[in-house]
Amino acid sequence: LMRPLQGCRGRGVVVGTVTLCLAAGWALQTPGGVSLVVAKPNINATVAQNILLSVEYSCRGIATIEWKHVSSWGTTKIVEWKSGNYVNISTVYKDRVTTFENGSIQLLNVGMRDAGYYFVTVTEEYGTNTYGTIIVNVYEIIYEDLHFVAVLFAFLAAVSAILICFMWLCNKFLHLFQKTTTHKLTASTTEEIELETIEC
């Protein structure tokens, strides 16, 4: 009696193990789950630069990718697309956004208003989703200010040089005029002395 029971128990363990393995295999094959990696969570850019908001997602099914921009000016939806299907770009970003299959986007010609938080949401067709955030800092180009200062300095230097030349010319004419006046006065005084001498 003992042997058949052990045999049944052994067969039950084998059947249980096979069932568990099949269930695990079925669970692994069932679509579901999505992952997202953000390459650079913090980006510094200057005005008029192009920036890449780089991410990499993976999922078993078809994914929908959505990007939003949040700043002190409010929240704006940038783009939404389904892998291998449509791409819906907001009118505000129509000519400034390029999308990539891995979920990344490129922003062209950034301005000060593009600074802020960029949120990406990857949603798998079975409802699973994941999120990522990238902070973008946009700075004004400093050399433009320096260029303005340099041009202003050059302009002021040129005006100063012209004024100095004008003053030098005025001084020369003044000396020439004084010399001519002095010469005429001397000649006039000499003539008067001669006339007085003749009269005497």
Protein backbone atom coordinates (compact mmCIF):
# COMPACT_ATOMS: atom_id res chain seq x y z
CA LEU A 1 0.00 0.00 0.00
CA MET A 2 2.85 2.35 0.74
CA ARG A 3 4.46 2.08 -2.68
CA PRO A 4 1.45 3.10 -4.78
CA LEU A 5 0.87 6.11 -2.53
CA GLN A 6 4.49 7.22 -2.96
CA GLY A 7 4.14 6.77 -6.71
CA CYS A 8 0.97 8.90 -6.77
CA ARG A 9 2.62 11.55 -4.65
CA GLY A 10 5.67 11.53 -6.95
CA ARG A 11 3.47 11.85 -10.02
CA GLY A 12 1.58 14.73 -8.32
CA VAL A 13 4.82 16.56 -7.68
CA VAL A 14 5.88 16.11 -11.31
CA VAL A 15 2.48 17.23 -12.60
CA GLY A 16 2.54 20.21 -10.20
CA THR A 17 6.03 21.20 -11.33
CA VAL A 18 5.08 20.91 -15.01
CA THR A 19 1.92 22.95 -14.41
CA LEU A 20 3.92 25.61 -12.56
CA CYS A 21 6.46 25.78 -15.40
CA LEU A 22 3.68 26.06 -17.99
CA ALA A 23 1.97 28.81 -15.97
CA ALA A 24 5.25 30.72 -15.66
CA GLY A 25 5.89 30.34 -19.39
CA TRP A 26 2.34 31.53 -20.18
CA ALA A 27 2.78 34.52 -17.84
CA LEU A 28 6.05 35.45 -19.56
CA GLN A 29 4.43 35.23 -22.98
CA THR A 30 1.39 37.27 -21.95
CA PRO A 31 1.81 40.88 -23.01
CA GLY A 32 2.19 43.38 -20.18
CA GLY A 33 4.80 45.57 -18.54
CA VAL A 34 6.69 48.57 -19.84
CA SER A 35 10.04 50.07 -18.89
CA LEU A 36 11.59 53.47 -19.56
CA VAL A 37 15.15 54.77 -19.22
CA VAL A 38 15.90 58.53 -19.26
CA ALA A 39 19.40 59.11 -20.65
CA LYS A 40 19.92 62.68 -19.34
CA PRO A 41 17.48 63.87 -16.67
CA ASN A 42 18.96 67.41 -16.64
CA ILE A 43 19.78 69.41 -19.80
CA ASN A 44 21.39 72.85 -20.03
CA ALA A 45 20.90 74.71 -23.30
CA THR A 46 21.35 78.19 -24.74
CA VAL A 47 18.82 80.18 -26.75
CA ALA A 48 18.41 79.03 -30.41
CA GLN A 49 20.07 75.65 -29.71
CA ASN A 50 18.55 72.27 -30.70
CA ILE A 51 18.17 69.79 -27.82
CA LEU A 52 17.51 66.05 -27.69
CA LEU A 53 15.26 64.74 -24.93
CA SER A 54 16.61 61.22 -24.99
CA VAL A 55 14.73 58.23 -23.58
CA GLU A 56 14.54 54.49 -24.36
CA TYR A 57 11.40 52.46 -23.72
CA SER A 58 10.61 48.78 -24.06
CA CYS A 59 7.35 46.87 -23.85
CA ARG A 60 5.84 43.68 -25.20
CA GLY A 61 2.84 45.30 -26.88
CA ILE A 62 2.19 48.49 -28.83
CA ALA A 63 2.99 51.61 -26.83
CA THR A 64 1.61 55.14 -26.87
CA ILE A 65 4.17 57.85 -26.09
CA GLU A 66 3.12 61.28 -24.83
CA TRP A 67 5.29 64.30 -24.02
CA LYS A 68 4.18 67.33 -21.96
CA HIS A 69 5.95 70.54 -20.99
CA VAL A 70 5.30 72.10 -17.58
CA SER A 71 6.63 75.56 -16.71
CA SER A 72 5.58 78.78 -14.97
CA TRP A 73 3.58 79.59 -18.14
CA GLY A 74 1.44 76.46 -17.74
CA THR A 75 1.20 72.90 -19.05
CA THR A 76 1.40 72.20 -22.78
CA LYS A 77 0.99 68.88 -24.58
CA ILE A 78 3.81 68.61 -27.10
CA VAL A 79 3.27 65.36 -28.97
CA GLU A 80 1.58 61.98 -28.76
CA TRP A 81 2.15 58.98 -30.98
CA LYS A 82 1.63 55.25 -31.15
CA SER A 83 4.60 53.12 -32.17
CA GLY A 84 4.34 52.36 -35.87
CA ASN A 85 1.19 54.51 -36.27
CA TYR A 86 0.06 58.13 -36.07
CA VAL A 87 2.00 61.13 -34.74
CA ASN A 88 -0.06 63.99 -33.27
CA ILE A 89 2.08 67.13 -32.73
CA SER A 90 0.60 70.18 -30.98
CA THR A 91 0.23 73.24 -33.25
CA VAL A 92 2.53 75.24 -30.93
CA TYR A 93 5.35 72.76 -31.64
CA LYS A 94 4.40 71.85 -35.25
CA ASP A 95 7.69 72.85 -36.94
CA ARG A 96 9.93 72.41 -33.91
CA VAL A 97 9.61 68.75 -32.86
CA THR A 98 11.09 65.57 -34.30
CA THR A 99 10.01 62.20 -32.87
CA PHE A 100 12.06 59.00 -32.70
CA GLU A 101 11.01 55.34 -32.47
CA ASN A 102 12.68 54.86 -29.08
CA GLY A 103 10.41 57.55 -27.55
CA SER A 104 12.88 60.44 -27.73
CA ILE A 105 12.07 63.86 -29.16
CA GLN A 106 14.22 66.68 -30.48
CA LEU A 107 13.28 70.32 -29.87
CA LEU A 108 14.56 72.80 -32.44
CA ASN A 109 15.51 76.43 -31.80
CA VAL A 110 14.73 76.57 -28.07
CA GLY A 111 13.85 79.84 -26.35
CA MET A 112 13.56 81.00 -22.75
CA ARG A 113 9.93 79.78 -22.62
CA ASP A 114 11.13 76.22 -23.33
CA ALA A 115 12.76 75.97 -19.90
CA GLY A 116 10.96 73.75 -17.41
CA TYR A 117 9.94 70.13 -16.83
CA TYR A 118 9.32 67.67 -19.65
CA PHE A 119 7.20 64.64 -18.75
CA VAL A 120 7.09 61.56 -20.94
CA THR A 121 4.44 58.87 -20.43
CA VAL A 122 4.69 55.49 -22.12
CA THR A 123 1.42 53.53 -21.99
CA GLU A 124 1.24 49.94 -23.17
CA GLU A 125 -1.89 48.76 -24.98
CA TYR A 126 -2.93 46.63 -21.97
CA GLY A 127 -2.95 49.66 -19.68
CA THR A 128 0.46 49.45 -18.02
CA ASN A 129 2.35 52.75 -18.07
CA THR A 130 5.55 54.37 -16.87
CA TYR A 131 6.79 57.94 -16.54
CA GLY A 132 9.99 59.91 -17.00
CA THR A 133 11.02 63.50 -16.30
CA ILE A 134 13.67 65.73 -17.87
CA ILE A 135 14.52 69.21 -16.54
CA VAL A 136 15.60 71.72 -19.19
CA ASN A 137 17.41 74.96 -18.29
CA VAL A 138 17.71 77.56 -21.07
CA TYR A 139 20.21 80.42 -20.81
CA GLU A 140 20.66 83.55 -22.88
CA ILE A 141 23.81 83.77 -24.98
CA ILE A 142 26.27 85.93 -23.04
CA TYR A 143 28.52 86.81 -25.99
CA GLU A 144 25.65 88.75 -27.64
CA ASP A 145 25.69 91.14 -24.68
CA LEU A 146 29.47 91.37 -24.86
CA HIS A 147 29.21 91.99 -28.61
CA PHE A 148 26.80 94.87 -27.96
CA VAL A 149 29.16 96.35 -25.35
CA ALA A 150 32.13 95.99 -27.73
CA VAL A 151 30.24 97.71 -30.57
CA LEU A 152 29.11 100.51 -28.24
CA PHE A 153 32.68 100.96 -26.96
CA ALA A 154 34.03 101.10 -30.54
CA PHE A 155 31.36 103.66 -31.49
CA LEU A 156 32.17 105.86 -28.48
CA ALA A 157 35.91 105.57 -29.22
CA ALA A 158 35.32 106.66 -32.84
CA VAL A 159 33.18 109.63 -31.72
CA SER A 160 35.87 110.61 -29.20
CA ALA A 161 38.58 110.41 -31.87
CA ILE A 162 36.52 112.61 -34.22
CA LEU A 163 35.94 115.16 -31.45
CA ILE A 164 39.65 115.23 -30.56
CA CYS A 165 40.55 115.79 -34.24
CA PHE A 166 37.95 118.55 -34.48
CA MET A 167 39.31 120.25 -31.35
CA TRP A 168 42.90 119.97 -32.69
CA LEU A 169 41.84 121.57 -36.00
CA CYS A 170 39.98 124.33 -34.15
CA ASN A 171 43.08 124.98 -32.02
CA LYS A 172 45.26 125.14 -35.16
CA PHE A 173 42.91 127.61 -36.84
CA LEU A 174 42.77 129.70 -33.65
CA HIS A 175 46.60 129.89 -33.47
CA LEU A 176 46.78 130.73 -37.17
CA PHE A 177 44.12 133.43 -36.74
CA GLN A 178 45.93 134.88 -33.67
CA LYS A 179 49.24 134.89 -35.54
CA THR A 180 47.72 136.68 -38.51
CA THR A 181 45.97 139.22 -36.25
CA THR A 182 49.17 139.83 -34.28
CA HIS A 183 51.17 140.31 -37.51
CA LYS A 184 48.58 142.82 -38.82
CA LEU A 185 48.59 144.69 -35.49
CA THR A 186 52.39 144.86 -35.49
CA ALA A 187 52.39 146.18 -39.07
CA SER A 188 49.71 148.74 -38.18
CA THR A 189 51.61 149.89 -35.06
CA THR A 190 54.85 150.23 -37.06
CA GLU A 191 53.06 152.36 -39.68
CA GLU A 192 51.64 154.63 -36.94
CA ILE A 193 55.10 155.10 -35.40
CA GLU A 194 56.55 155.93 -38.81
CA LEU A 195 53.75 158.45 -39.45
CA GLU A 196 54.38 160.10 -36.08
CA THR A 197 58.08 160.30 -36.79
CA ILE A 198 57.44 161.91 -40.19
CA GLU A 199 55.04 164.46 -38.68
CA CYS A 200 57.59 165.47 -36.09
